[in-house]
Amino acid sequence: MTATSLRLVAHAHTTALRRAHFGGSGEGLDEGGRRAALAQAQARRSFPGVDDVCVCSPAVAAVQTAEALELSPRLEAALADCDHGDWAGRSIEEIAVEQPHALHEWMSEPESAPHGGESVAAVRDRVGRWLDGQRGAERRITAIAHPLVIRVAVVHALDLPLPTYRQVDVEPLAVVRLTGRGARWHLRLSPPAG
């Protein structure tokens, strides 16, 4: 039986992540995010040369994270962050004041998209199709994406109810490992690199 080893890496900090803003794909890493990614590359020399393939979201922050980790990724549209529509670039606090019911709907109902962009369910479906397409290939993949994309990937991989994505915390530069065997994905927890 062939196995796929998938390492999902959350891109480093951006200003939008630090300030709780709905991000956009054109935002790059902030200075702290860039330094953290470079430090991780120095501390974890296991990144370069290990994987058969590296892919990343087309978001600038994902590409910059890959470059800081000394990886040469291929862009993968399926790993793009959620399209936040009219809320892109705006703070959660601002939306809470101006559109409290819409924000509550978006945060409590994964199928809703009151901002005119993508629902969390749509992101999960898109990411899930990509994830399912990777299973069974005997290769190692590193995929760099926004924390939300990784959260819904974990929920899809473990066949959890979609609302549980809110209970999966993924920090910038976090690494989640999945192993695909047959029709299932397995979450793989490893000791820290030493």
N, C-alpha and C. Protein backbone atom coordinates (compact mmCIF):
# COMPACT_ATOMS: atom_id res chain seq x y z
N MET A 1 0.85 -1.18 0.00
CA MET A 1 0.00 0.00 0.00
C MET A 1 0.89 1.24 0.00
N THR A 2 0.60 2.18 -0.88
CA THR A 2 1.38 3.41 -0.95
C THR A 2 0.90 4.41 0.10
N ALA A 3 1.78 5.30 0.50
CA ALA A 3 1.43 6.31 1.51
C ALA A 3 1.88 7.67 1.05
N THR A 4 1.10 8.65 1.41
CA THR A 4 1.45 10.04 1.17
C THR A 4 1.78 10.68 2.50
N SER A 5 2.89 11.36 2.57
CA SER A 5 3.24 12.11 3.76
C SER A 5 3.04 13.59 3.44
N LEU A 6 2.16 14.24 4.18
CA LEU A 6 1.81 15.63 3.91
C LEU A 6 2.13 16.47 5.14
N ARG A 7 2.93 17.48 4.94
CA ARG A 7 3.26 18.43 6.01
C ARG A 7 2.60 19.76 5.64
N LEU A 8 1.60 20.17 6.45
CA LEU A 8 0.91 21.44 6.25
C LEU A 8 1.58 22.47 7.15
N VAL A 9 2.05 23.56 6.56
CA VAL A 9 2.75 24.60 7.30
C VAL A 9 1.96 25.89 7.17
N ALA A 10 1.63 26.48 8.32
CA ALA A 10 0.91 27.76 8.30
C ALA A 10 1.90 28.88 7.99
N HIS A 11 1.50 29.79 7.11
CA HIS A 11 2.42 30.87 6.78
C HIS A 11 2.68 31.73 8.02
N ALA A 12 3.78 32.45 8.01
CA ALA A 12 4.19 33.26 9.15
C ALA A 12 3.25 34.47 9.31
N HIS A 13 3.47 35.22 10.38
CA HIS A 13 2.62 36.35 10.71
C HIS A 13 2.59 37.43 9.62
N THR A 14 1.41 37.98 9.48
CA THR A 14 1.19 39.17 8.67
C THR A 14 0.56 40.22 9.60
N THR A 15 0.51 41.44 9.14
CA THR A 15 -0.14 42.48 9.94
C THR A 15 -1.61 42.13 10.18
N ALA A 16 -2.29 41.59 9.16
CA ALA A 16 -3.70 41.23 9.30
C ALA A 16 -3.90 40.17 10.38
N LEU A 17 -3.04 39.16 10.43
CA LEU A 17 -3.16 38.13 11.47
C LEU A 17 -2.97 38.73 12.85
N ARG A 18 -1.97 39.57 13.00
CA ARG A 18 -1.70 40.17 14.31
C ARG A 18 -2.82 41.10 14.78
N ARG A 19 -3.44 41.78 13.84
CA ARG A 19 -4.47 42.77 14.20
C ARG A 19 -5.90 42.25 14.08
N ALA A 20 -6.05 40.96 13.82
CA ALA A 20 -7.38 40.35 13.67
C ALA A 20 -8.19 41.04 12.57
N HIS A 21 -7.55 41.14 11.39
CA HIS A 21 -8.21 41.67 10.20
C HIS A 21 -8.48 40.52 9.24
N PHE A 22 -9.52 40.68 8.46
CA PHE A 22 -9.75 39.73 7.38
C PHE A 22 -8.70 40.05 6.32
N GLY A 23 -7.89 39.06 6.00
CA GLY A 23 -6.75 39.30 5.12
C GLY A 23 -7.10 39.31 3.65
N GLY A 24 -6.09 39.62 2.89
CA GLY A 24 -6.19 39.59 1.43
C GLY A 24 -4.96 38.86 0.90
N SER A 25 -5.04 38.33 -0.29
CA SER A 25 -3.95 37.51 -0.83
C SER A 25 -2.71 38.33 -1.17
N GLY A 26 -2.83 39.66 -1.22
CA GLY A 26 -1.69 40.49 -1.59
C GLY A 26 -0.82 40.92 -0.43
N GLU A 27 -1.22 40.58 0.79
CA GLU A 27 -0.46 41.01 1.96
C GLU A 27 0.73 40.09 2.21
N GLY A 28 1.90 40.70 2.39
CA GLY A 28 3.10 39.93 2.69
C GLY A 28 3.32 39.78 4.19
N LEU A 29 4.39 39.09 4.52
CA LEU A 29 4.75 38.90 5.92
C LEU A 29 5.13 40.24 6.55
N ASP A 30 4.83 40.39 7.84
CA ASP A 30 5.36 41.56 8.53
C ASP A 30 6.78 41.23 8.96
N GLU A 31 7.48 42.20 9.50
CA GLU A 31 8.90 41.99 9.83
C GLU A 31 9.08 40.87 10.86
N GLY A 32 8.20 40.81 11.85
CA GLY A 32 8.29 39.73 12.84
C GLY A 32 8.04 38.37 12.22
N GLY A 33 7.09 38.30 11.29
CA GLY A 33 6.82 37.04 10.60
C GLY A 33 7.99 36.59 9.76
N ARG A 34 8.61 37.54 9.08
CA ARG A 34 9.78 37.22 8.24
C ARG A 34 10.93 36.69 9.12
N ARG A 35 11.18 37.36 10.24
CA ARG A 35 12.26 36.92 11.14
C ARG A 35 11.96 35.54 11.71
N ALA A 36 10.71 35.30 12.10
CA ALA A 36 10.34 34.00 12.66
C ALA A 36 10.51 32.87 11.64
N ALA A 37 10.13 33.14 10.39
CA ALA A 37 10.28 32.11 9.34
C ALA A 37 11.75 31.82 9.08
N LEU A 38 12.57 32.87 9.04
CA LEU A 38 14.02 32.66 8.84
C LEU A 38 14.62 31.90 10.01
N ALA A 39 14.18 32.20 11.23
CA ALA A 39 14.68 31.49 12.41
C ALA A 39 14.26 30.02 12.38
N GLN A 40 13.04 29.76 11.93
CA GLN A 40 12.59 28.37 11.85
C GLN A 40 13.41 27.61 10.82
N ALA A 41 13.74 28.27 9.72
CA ALA A 41 14.57 27.61 8.70
C ALA A 41 15.93 27.25 9.28
N GLN A 42 16.50 28.14 10.10
CA GLN A 42 17.80 27.88 10.72
C GLN A 42 17.71 26.76 11.73
N ALA A 43 16.63 26.75 12.52
CA ALA A 43 16.47 25.75 13.59
C ALA A 43 16.06 24.39 13.06
N ARG A 44 15.38 24.36 11.93
CA ARG A 44 14.84 23.09 11.41
C ARG A 44 15.36 22.85 10.01
N ARG A 45 16.55 22.49 9.90
CA ARG A 45 17.15 22.25 8.59
C ARG A 45 16.53 21.05 7.89
N SER A 46 15.47 20.48 8.48
CA SER A 46 14.81 19.35 7.84
C SER A 46 13.93 19.79 6.67
N PHE A 47 13.68 21.09 6.52
CA PHE A 47 12.82 21.53 5.42
C PHE A 47 13.45 21.33 4.05
N PRO A 48 14.61 21.89 3.77
CA PRO A 48 15.14 21.78 2.41
C PRO A 48 15.53 20.36 2.02
N GLY A 49 15.20 20.00 0.79
CA GLY A 49 15.67 18.76 0.22
C GLY A 49 15.00 17.50 0.72
N VAL A 50 13.97 17.61 1.55
CA VAL A 50 13.36 16.42 2.12
C VAL A 50 12.15 15.97 1.31
N ASP A 51 11.42 16.91 0.77
CA ASP A 51 10.15 16.59 0.15
C ASP A 51 10.27 16.38 -1.35
N ASP A 52 9.37 15.54 -1.85
CA ASP A 52 9.29 15.32 -3.28
C ASP A 52 8.71 16.55 -3.96
N VAL A 53 7.81 17.24 -3.26
CA VAL A 53 7.14 18.39 -3.85
C VAL A 53 6.77 19.40 -2.76
N CYS A 54 6.81 20.66 -3.11
CA CYS A 54 6.35 21.73 -2.23
C CYS A 54 5.34 22.56 -3.00
N VAL A 55 4.19 22.79 -2.37
CA VAL A 55 3.16 23.63 -2.96
C VAL A 55 2.78 24.69 -1.95
N CYS A 56 2.23 25.78 -2.43
CA CYS A 56 1.76 26.79 -1.49
C CYS A 56 0.61 27.57 -2.09
N SER A 57 -0.11 28.19 -1.20
CA SER A 57 -1.18 29.11 -1.57
C SER A 57 -0.58 30.20 -2.46
N PRO A 58 -1.39 30.77 -3.34
CA PRO A 58 -0.88 31.88 -4.14
C PRO A 58 -0.71 33.17 -3.35
N ALA A 59 -1.12 33.18 -2.08
CA ALA A 59 -0.99 34.38 -1.25
C ALA A 59 0.47 34.77 -1.09
N VAL A 60 0.75 36.05 -1.13
CA VAL A 60 2.11 36.55 -0.99
C VAL A 60 2.75 36.05 0.30
N ALA A 61 2.00 36.03 1.40
CA ALA A 61 2.56 35.58 2.69
C ALA A 61 2.99 34.12 2.63
N ALA A 62 2.25 33.28 1.93
CA ALA A 62 2.62 31.87 1.80
C ALA A 62 3.89 31.72 0.96
N VAL A 63 3.96 32.44 -0.14
CA VAL A 63 5.14 32.39 -1.00
C VAL A 63 6.37 32.88 -0.23
N GLN A 64 6.24 33.98 0.49
CA GLN A 64 7.36 34.51 1.26
C GLN A 64 7.79 33.56 2.37
N THR A 65 6.84 32.87 2.98
CA THR A 65 7.18 31.88 4.00
C THR A 65 7.98 30.74 3.38
N ALA A 66 7.53 30.26 2.23
CA ALA A 66 8.25 29.18 1.53
C ALA A 66 9.67 29.62 1.21
N GLU A 67 9.83 30.82 0.70
CA GLU A 67 11.16 31.32 0.36
C GLU A 67 12.04 31.43 1.60
N ALA A 68 11.48 31.91 2.71
CA ALA A 68 12.26 32.01 3.95
C ALA A 68 12.69 30.64 4.45
N LEU A 69 11.87 29.62 4.19
CA LEU A 69 12.18 28.25 4.60
C LEU A 69 13.06 27.54 3.57
N GLU A 70 13.52 28.29 2.57
CA GLU A 70 14.40 27.78 1.52
C GLU A 70 13.75 26.68 0.69
N LEU A 71 12.45 26.86 0.43
CA LEU A 71 11.70 25.93 -0.40
C LEU A 71 11.36 26.60 -1.72
N SER A 72 11.17 25.80 -2.74
CA SER A 72 10.78 26.30 -4.07
C SER A 72 9.41 25.73 -4.40
N PRO A 73 8.36 26.45 -4.01
CA PRO A 73 7.02 25.88 -4.19
C PRO A 73 6.43 26.12 -5.56
N ARG A 74 5.46 25.29 -5.86
CA ARG A 74 4.58 25.47 -7.00
C ARG A 74 3.29 26.04 -6.42
N LEU A 75 2.73 27.06 -7.05
CA LEU A 75 1.49 27.67 -6.55
C LEU A 75 0.33 26.71 -6.76
N GLU A 76 -0.53 26.62 -5.74
CA GLU A 76 -1.70 25.75 -5.79
C GLU A 76 -2.93 26.56 -5.40
N ALA A 77 -3.77 26.87 -6.39
CA ALA A 77 -4.95 27.71 -6.16
C ALA A 77 -5.91 27.11 -5.13
N ALA A 78 -5.98 25.80 -5.05
CA ALA A 78 -6.88 25.15 -4.09
C ALA A 78 -6.52 25.47 -2.65
N LEU A 79 -5.29 25.92 -2.41
CA LEU A 79 -4.85 26.23 -1.04
C LEU A 79 -4.99 27.71 -0.69
N ALA A 80 -5.64 28.47 -1.56
CA ALA A 80 -5.84 29.91 -1.30
C ALA A 80 -6.66 30.11 -0.03
N ASP A 81 -6.41 31.24 0.62
CA ASP A 81 -7.18 31.61 1.80
C ASP A 81 -8.64 31.85 1.40
N CYS A 82 -9.49 31.93 2.38
CA CYS A 82 -10.89 32.25 2.17
C CYS A 82 -11.02 33.62 1.50
N ASP A 83 -11.89 33.72 0.53
CA ASP A 83 -12.21 35.00 -0.08
C ASP A 83 -13.20 35.68 0.86
N HIS A 84 -12.75 36.74 1.55
CA HIS A 84 -13.58 37.42 2.54
C HIS A 84 -14.46 38.51 1.94
N GLY A 85 -14.52 38.58 0.63
CA GLY A 85 -15.41 39.50 -0.04
C GLY A 85 -15.25 40.93 0.44
N ASP A 86 -16.36 41.56 0.80
CA ASP A 86 -16.37 42.96 1.22
C ASP A 86 -15.64 43.21 2.54
N TRP A 87 -15.33 42.15 3.28
CA TRP A 87 -14.67 42.32 4.57
C TRP A 87 -13.15 42.29 4.46
N ALA A 88 -12.61 41.97 3.31
CA ALA A 88 -11.15 41.88 3.14
C ALA A 88 -10.48 43.18 3.57
N GLY A 89 -9.48 43.05 4.42
CA GLY A 89 -8.72 44.19 4.90
C GLY A 89 -9.34 44.90 6.10
N ARG A 90 -10.53 44.53 6.48
CA ARG A 90 -11.21 45.18 7.60
C ARG A 90 -11.04 44.36 8.87
N SER A 91 -11.12 45.02 10.01
CA SER A 91 -10.93 44.33 11.29
C SER A 91 -12.22 43.62 11.71
N ILE A 92 -12.05 42.56 12.47
CA ILE A 92 -13.20 41.85 13.02
C ILE A 92 -13.97 42.79 13.94
N GLU A 93 -13.25 43.60 14.69
CA GLU A 93 -13.89 44.57 15.59
C GLU A 93 -14.77 45.55 14.82
N GLU A 94 -14.27 46.04 13.71
CA GLU A 94 -15.03 46.98 12.86
C GLU A 94 -16.31 46.32 12.33
N ILE A 95 -16.19 45.09 11.86
CA ILE A 95 -17.37 44.38 11.34
C ILE A 95 -18.35 44.10 12.47
N ALA A 96 -17.84 43.81 13.66
CA ALA A 96 -18.71 43.53 14.81
C ALA A 96 -19.57 44.75 15.15
N VAL A 97 -19.03 45.94 14.96
CA VAL A 97 -19.78 47.17 15.24
C VAL A 97 -20.77 47.46 14.11
N GLU A 98 -20.30 47.36 12.86
CA GLU A 98 -21.13 47.74 11.71
C GLU A 98 -22.13 46.67 11.29
N GLN A 99 -21.75 45.40 11.39
CA GLN A 99 -22.60 44.31 10.90
C GLN A 99 -22.60 43.15 11.91
N PRO A 100 -23.05 43.41 13.14
CA PRO A 100 -22.95 42.37 14.18
C PRO A 100 -23.69 41.08 13.83
N HIS A 101 -24.86 41.20 13.22
CA HIS A 101 -25.63 39.99 12.87
C HIS A 101 -24.94 39.20 11.76
N ALA A 102 -24.39 39.91 10.80
CA ALA A 102 -23.69 39.23 9.70
C ALA A 102 -22.44 38.53 10.23
N LEU A 103 -21.70 39.18 11.11
CA LEU A 103 -20.50 38.55 11.68
C LEU A 103 -20.88 37.32 12.50
N HIS A 104 -21.93 37.44 13.31
CA HIS A 104 -22.39 36.29 14.10
C HIS A 104 -22.80 35.13 13.19
N GLU A 105 -23.51 35.46 12.12
CA GLU A 105 -23.93 34.43 11.16
C GLU A 105 -22.71 33.74 10.56
N TRP A 106 -21.72 34.53 10.12
CA TRP A 106 -20.53 33.94 9.50
C TRP A 106 -19.76 33.07 10.49
N MET A 107 -19.68 33.52 11.74
CA MET A 107 -18.91 32.77 12.73
C MET A 107 -19.64 31.55 13.27
N SER A 108 -20.96 31.52 13.17
CA SER A 108 -21.71 30.39 13.73
C SER A 108 -22.26 29.43 12.68
N GLU A 109 -22.30 29.86 11.44
CA GLU A 109 -22.85 29.02 10.37
C GLU A 109 -21.82 28.88 9.24
N PRO A 110 -21.06 27.78 9.22
CA PRO A 110 -20.00 27.63 8.22
C PRO A 110 -20.46 27.70 6.77
N GLU A 111 -21.75 27.54 6.52
CA GLU A 111 -22.26 27.59 5.15
C GLU A 111 -22.58 29.01 4.70
N SER A 112 -22.51 29.98 5.60
CA SER A 112 -22.91 31.34 5.24
C SER A 112 -21.73 32.17 4.74
N ALA A 113 -22.05 33.17 3.93
CA ALA A 113 -21.04 34.08 3.39
C ALA A 113 -21.64 35.48 3.28
N PRO A 114 -21.99 36.10 4.41
CA PRO A 114 -22.65 37.40 4.34
C PRO A 114 -21.76 38.51 3.79
N HIS A 115 -20.46 38.26 3.66
CA HIS A 115 -19.54 39.26 3.14
C HIS A 115 -19.46 39.25 1.62
N GLY A 116 -20.16 38.30 1.01
CA GLY A 116 -20.17 38.22 -0.45
C GLY A 116 -19.01 37.42 -1.02
N GLY A 117 -18.21 36.83 -0.16
CA GLY A 117 -17.09 36.01 -0.61
C GLY A 117 -17.41 34.53 -0.45
N GLU A 118 -16.45 33.80 0.07
CA GLU A 118 -16.57 32.35 0.23
C GLU A 118 -17.01 31.99 1.64
N SER A 119 -17.81 30.97 1.76
CA SER A 119 -18.15 30.43 3.09
C SER A 119 -17.02 29.51 3.54
N VAL A 120 -16.97 29.24 4.82
CA VAL A 120 -15.99 28.28 5.35
C VAL A 120 -16.26 26.90 4.75
N ALA A 121 -17.52 26.56 4.55
CA ALA A 121 -17.86 25.27 3.93
C ALA A 121 -17.29 25.18 2.51
N ALA A 122 -17.35 26.27 1.77
CA ALA A 122 -16.78 26.27 0.41
C ALA A 122 -15.27 26.10 0.46
N VAL A 123 -14.62 26.74 1.43
CA VAL A 123 -13.17 26.57 1.58
C VAL A 123 -12.85 25.12 1.90
N ARG A 124 -13.60 24.53 2.83
CA ARG A 124 -13.38 23.13 3.19
C ARG A 124 -13.57 22.22 1.99
N ASP A 125 -14.59 22.47 1.18
CA ASP A 125 -14.84 21.63 0.00
C ASP A 125 -13.68 21.73 -0.99
N ARG A 126 -13.22 22.95 -1.22
CA ARG A 126 -12.11 23.17 -2.17
C ARG A 126 -10.83 22.51 -1.67
N VAL A 127 -10.51 22.75 -0.41
CA VAL A 127 -9.29 22.17 0.17
C VAL A 127 -9.43 20.65 0.27
N GLY A 128 -10.61 20.18 0.63
CA GLY A 128 -10.85 18.74 0.75
C GLY A 128 -10.66 18.00 -0.56
N ARG A 129 -11.13 18.61 -1.67
CA ARG A 129 -10.92 17.97 -2.98
C ARG A 129 -9.43 17.85 -3.29
N TRP A 130 -8.69 18.93 -2.99
CA TRP A 130 -7.25 18.89 -3.23
C TRP A 130 -6.60 17.82 -2.35
N LEU A 131 -6.96 17.81 -1.08
CA LEU A 131 -6.39 16.85 -0.14
C LEU A 131 -6.67 15.42 -0.57
N ASP A 132 -7.89 15.14 -0.95
CA ASP A 132 -8.25 13.79 -1.39
C ASP A 132 -7.48 13.38 -2.64
N GLY A 133 -7.16 14.35 -3.48
CA GLY A 133 -6.39 14.06 -4.69
C GLY A 133 -4.93 13.72 -4.41
N GLN A 134 -4.45 14.02 -3.22
CA GLN A 134 -3.05 13.73 -2.88
C GLN A 134 -2.87 12.33 -2.30
N ARG A 135 -3.94 11.77 -1.77
CA ARG A 135 -3.85 10.47 -1.10
C ARG A 135 -3.48 9.38 -2.08
N GLY A 136 -2.65 8.46 -1.64
CA GLY A 136 -2.29 7.31 -2.45
C GLY A 136 -1.04 7.49 -3.28
N ALA A 137 -0.58 8.72 -3.42
CA ALA A 137 0.67 8.95 -4.16
C ALA A 137 1.82 8.72 -3.19
N GLU A 138 2.76 7.92 -3.59
CA GLU A 138 3.89 7.63 -2.69
C GLU A 138 4.90 8.77 -2.80
N ARG A 139 4.64 9.83 -2.04
CA ARG A 139 5.53 10.98 -2.06
C ARG A 139 5.35 11.79 -0.78
N ARG A 140 6.28 12.70 -0.58
CA ARG A 140 6.23 13.61 0.55
C ARG A 140 5.93 15.01 0.02
N ILE A 141 4.98 15.66 0.66
CA ILE A 141 4.53 16.97 0.20
C ILE A 141 4.59 17.95 1.37
N THR A 142 5.10 19.14 1.11
CA THR A 142 4.96 20.25 2.05
C THR A 142 4.02 21.24 1.39
N ALA A 143 2.99 21.66 2.14
CA ALA A 143 2.01 22.62 1.63
C ALA A 143 1.94 23.79 2.59
N ILE A 144 2.13 25.00 2.09
CA ILE A 144 2.12 26.20 2.92
C ILE A 144 0.87 27.00 2.61
N ALA A 145 0.11 27.32 3.67
CA ALA A 145 -1.16 27.99 3.48
C ALA A 145 -1.54 28.81 4.72
N HIS A 146 -2.63 29.51 4.63
CA HIS A 146 -3.17 30.30 5.73
C HIS A 146 -3.65 29.35 6.84
N PRO A 147 -3.57 29.78 8.11
CA PRO A 147 -4.05 28.92 9.20
C PRO A 147 -5.48 28.40 9.02
N LEU A 148 -6.40 29.22 8.49
CA LEU A 148 -7.78 28.75 8.29
C LEU A 148 -7.82 27.58 7.32
N VAL A 149 -7.03 27.63 6.28
CA VAL A 149 -6.99 26.54 5.30
C VAL A 149 -6.52 25.25 5.97
N ILE A 150 -5.54 25.36 6.83
CA ILE A 150 -5.03 24.17 7.53
C ILE A 150 -6.07 23.65 8.51
N ARG A 151 -6.78 24.54 9.17
CA ARG A 151 -7.83 24.11 10.11
C ARG A 151 -8.89 23.29 9.39
N VAL A 152 -9.37 23.77 8.24
CA VAL A 152 -10.41 23.02 7.53
C VAL A 152 -9.84 21.76 6.89
N ALA A 153 -8.56 21.76 6.55
CA ALA A 153 -7.92 20.55 6.01
C ALA A 153 -7.90 19.45 7.07
N VAL A 154 -7.58 19.81 8.30
CA VAL A 154 -7.56 18.83 9.40
C VAL A 154 -8.96 18.28 9.64
N VAL A 155 -9.96 19.16 9.66
CA VAL A 155 -11.34 18.73 9.86
C VAL A 155 -11.77 17.77 8.75
N HIS A 156 -11.43 18.10 7.51
CA HIS A 156 -11.78 17.22 6.39
C HIS A 156 -11.03 15.89 6.48
N ALA A 157 -9.74 15.96 6.75
CA ALA A 157 -8.92 14.74 6.77
C ALA A 157 -9.40 13.76 7.84
N LEU A 158 -9.83 14.28 8.98
CA LEU A 158 -10.26 13.41 10.08
C LEU A 158 -11.77 13.16 10.06
N ASP A 159 -12.44 13.66 9.01
CA ASP A 159 -13.88 13.47 8.83
C ASP A 159 -14.66 13.95 10.05
N LEU A 160 -14.31 15.14 10.54
CA LEU A 160 -14.98 15.74 11.69
C LEU A 160 -16.10 16.65 11.20
N PRO A 161 -17.09 16.91 12.04
CA PRO A 161 -18.12 17.88 11.66
C PRO A 161 -17.49 19.25 11.40
N LEU A 162 -17.93 19.93 10.37
CA LEU A 162 -17.31 21.18 9.98
C LEU A 162 -17.23 22.22 11.11
N PRO A 163 -18.26 22.38 11.96
CA PRO A 163 -18.15 23.39 13.01
C PRO A 163 -16.96 23.19 13.96
N THR A 164 -16.37 22.00 13.98
CA THR A 164 -15.22 21.79 14.86
C THR A 164 -13.97 22.50 14.38
N TYR A 165 -14.01 23.08 13.17
CA TYR A 165 -12.83 23.82 12.71
C TYR A 165 -12.50 24.95 13.68
N ARG A 166 -13.51 25.46 14.38
CA ARG A 166 -13.29 26.54 15.35
C ARG A 166 -12.47 26.07 16.54
N GLN A 167 -12.43 24.78 16.77
CA GLN A 167 -11.69 24.22 17.91
C GLN A 167 -10.28 23.78 17.54
N VAL A 168 -9.89 23.98 16.31
CA VAL A 168 -8.55 23.63 15.85
C VAL A 168 -7.75 24.93 15.77
N ASP A 169 -6.81 25.09 16.66
CA ASP A 169 -5.96 26.29 16.65
C ASP A 169 -4.70 26.01 15.86
N VAL A 170 -4.42 26.86 14.90
CA VAL A 170 -3.22 26.74 14.09
C VAL A 170 -2.50 28.09 14.13
N GLU A 171 -1.37 28.11 14.79
CA GLU A 171 -0.58 29.33 14.90
C GLU A 171 0.28 29.51 13.65
N PRO A 172 0.68 30.74 13.37
CA PRO A 172 1.60 30.95 12.25
C PRO A 172 2.86 30.09 12.42
N LEU A 173 3.30 29.47 11.35
CA LEU A 173 4.45 28.57 11.26
C LEU A 173 4.23 27.22 11.95
N ALA A 174 3.01 26.94 12.37
CA ALA A 174 2.71 25.62 12.92
C ALA A 174 2.83 24.59 11.80
N VAL A 175 3.20 23.37 12.17
CA VAL A 175 3.33 22.28 11.21
C VAL A 175 2.38 21.16 11.63
N VAL A 176 1.50 20.77 10.72
CA VAL A 176 0.57 19.66 10.94
C VAL A 176 0.95 18.56 9.97
N ARG A 177 1.11 17.36 10.47
CA ARG A 177 1.49 16.24 9.60
C ARG A 177 0.32 15.27 9.43
N LEU A 178 0.07 14.92 8.18
CA LEU A 178 -0.95 13.93 7.85
C LEU A 178 -0.29 12.84 7.02
N THR A 179 -0.75 11.62 7.21
CA THR A 179 -0.29 10.50 6.41
C THR A 179 -1.50 9.89 5.74
N GLY A 180 -1.47 9.78 4.42
CA GLY A 180 -2.58 9.21 3.68
C GLY A 180 -2.28 7.78 3.29
N ARG A 181 -3.12 6.89 3.77
CA ARG A 181 -3.01 5.46 3.42
C ARG A 181 -4.40 4.99 2.99
N GLY A 182 -4.48 4.44 1.81
CA GLY A 182 -5.78 3.98 1.32
C GLY A 182 -6.77 5.12 1.25
N ALA A 183 -7.94 4.92 1.85
CA ALA A 183 -9.00 5.92 1.78
C ALA A 183 -9.00 6.86 2.97
N ARG A 184 -8.00 6.77 3.85
CA ARG A 184 -8.01 7.58 5.07
C ARG A 184 -6.75 8.40 5.24
N TRP A 185 -6.93 9.52 5.94
CA TRP A 185 -5.80 10.32 6.40
C TRP A 185 -5.63 10.06 7.89
N HIS A 186 -4.39 10.10 8.34
CA HIS A 186 -4.08 9.94 9.76
C HIS A 186 -3.29 11.15 10.21
N LEU A 187 -3.65 11.68 11.38
CA LEU A 187 -2.91 12.78 11.97
C LEU A 187 -1.67 12.20 12.63
N ARG A 188 -0.53 12.77 12.34
CA ARG A 188 0.73 12.24 12.86
C ARG A 188 1.39 13.30 13.74
N LEU A 189 1.55 12.98 15.01
CA LEU A 189 2.20 13.88 15.94
C LEU A 189 3.62 13.38 16.17
N SER A 190 4.57 14.27 15.99
CA SER A 190 5.99 13.90 16.06
C SER A 190 6.66 14.68 17.19
N PRO A 191 7.76 14.12 17.71
CA PRO A 191 8.52 14.90 18.68
C PRO A 191 9.18 16.09 17.98
N PRO A 192 9.50 17.14 18.74
CA PRO A 192 10.15 18.27 18.11
C PRO A 192 11.51 17.87 17.53
N ALA A 193 11.89 18.58 16.47
CA ALA A 193 13.20 18.32 15.86
C ALA A 193 14.28 18.70 16.85
N GLY A 194 15.29 17.91 16.91
CA GLY A 194 16.33 18.17 17.90
C GLY A 194 17.64 18.40 17.37
